[in-house]
């Protein structure tokens, strides 16, 4: 099976789309809990939405950490000798 190599613009585009999808995931996750709350009123003895929001707060932090690791702009700036905050 031949492996296909993506060109640099295609890799950048796929990385950007992955970051956008990851960034949208917490938004969808937080707001989708309301539809489930009608079916599951309590979880672990506390209201379902409280547990749902706590899980998504931790999940959001993990997703943002992953997005930060996927972001290569800082590496590119360091390679060109620029420091953070410089245009």
Foldseek 3Di string as FASTA:
>chain_A
DDDDDDDPVVVVVVLVVVLVVLQCVLVCQLVVQVVCCVVPQDDPRHGSNVVSVVVSVVVNVVSVVVSVVSDCPCVVCVVVPHDPPDD
